[in-house]
Protein backbone atom coordinates (compact mmCIF):
# COMPACT_ATOMS: atom_id res chain seq x y z
CA MET A 1 14.57 27.78 -3.81
CA GLY A 2 16.14 25.24 -1.16
CA VAL A 3 17.56 24.55 2.30
CA VAL A 4 20.68 25.81 3.27
CA GLN A 5 23.09 22.98 3.74
CA THR A 6 26.55 24.69 4.27
CA ILE A 7 27.87 28.07 5.11
CA GLY A 8 31.27 28.65 4.36
CA GLU A 9 33.72 30.90 5.94
CA THR A 10 34.07 34.51 4.82
CA ILE A 11 37.29 35.10 3.09
CA THR A 12 38.94 38.47 1.94
CA ILE A 13 40.22 38.61 -1.45
CA LYS A 14 42.85 41.10 -2.37
CA GLY A 15 41.81 42.65 -5.63
CA LYS A 16 43.26 45.21 -7.85
CA LYS A 17 40.77 47.53 -6.69
CA GLY A 18 41.28 46.81 -2.91
CA ASN A 19 39.91 43.89 -0.70
CA ILE A 20 36.54 42.01 -1.41
CA ASN A 21 34.42 39.58 1.03
CA LYS A 22 33.74 36.25 -0.48
CA LYS A 23 30.89 34.09 1.21
CA GLN A 24 30.24 30.50 -0.28
CA ILE A 25 26.81 28.83 0.86
CA ARG A 26 25.37 25.46 -0.73
CA ILE A 27 21.51 25.01 -0.89
CA ILE A 28 20.01 21.88 -1.64
CA ASP A 29 16.23 21.06 -2.91
CA GLN A 30 13.28 18.49 -2.39
CA THR A 31 15.31 16.55 -5.34
CA GLN A 32 18.75 16.42 -3.29
CA ASN A 33 20.51 18.53 -6.03
CA TYR A 34 22.66 21.21 -4.66
CA THR A 35 23.62 24.81 -5.99
CA ASP A 36 26.77 26.38 -4.61
CA ILE A 37 26.21 30.13 -4.41
CA ILE A 38 28.64 32.85 -3.87
CA PHE A 39 28.01 36.45 -2.42
CA TRP A 40 30.72 38.94 -2.73
CA GLY A 41 30.89 41.90 -1.10
CA ASN A 42 28.49 42.85 1.75
CA SER A 43 25.72 41.34 -0.12
CA TYR A 44 25.34 38.34 2.58
CA GLU A 45 22.91 38.23 4.89
CA SER A 46 24.72 37.57 8.26
CA THR A 47 21.43 36.10 10.05
CA LEU A 48 21.22 33.14 7.70
CA THR A 49 21.28 29.92 9.24
CA LEU A 50 21.78 26.08 8.63
CA HIS A 51 18.67 24.24 7.37
CA GLN A 52 16.87 27.47 6.55
CA ILE A 53 14.74 27.86 3.52
CA LEU A 54 16.31 30.25 1.03
CA ILE A 55 14.84 31.84 -1.73
CA ILE A 56 16.94 33.74 -4.54
CA LYS A 57 15.29 36.19 -6.84
CA ASP A 58 17.15 37.81 -9.98
CA ALA A 59 20.55 36.21 -9.12
CA LYS A 60 23.29 36.77 -11.85
CA VAL A 61 25.05 33.58 -12.90
CA ASN A 62 28.25 33.71 -14.40
CA TYR A 63 30.80 31.09 -15.06
CA TYR A 64 34.42 31.70 -14.18
CA GLN A 65 37.09 30.13 -16.90
CA GLY A 66 34.24 28.16 -18.00
CA ILE A 67 33.48 26.01 -15.15
């Protein structure tokens, strides 16, 4: 759970199986720690606004190239 701090632009990435949309947001909690969240495809809710409280349930955590 956190407050939406930033909402990035939607980026279209060309992949092997066609184009896919990528949207990155950053949420920050009451301890001032933040987490960057990436939405792939059409999973992003376009009504999300800055400073809105966001709760994510059942998120999938992956690491890309060890990052």
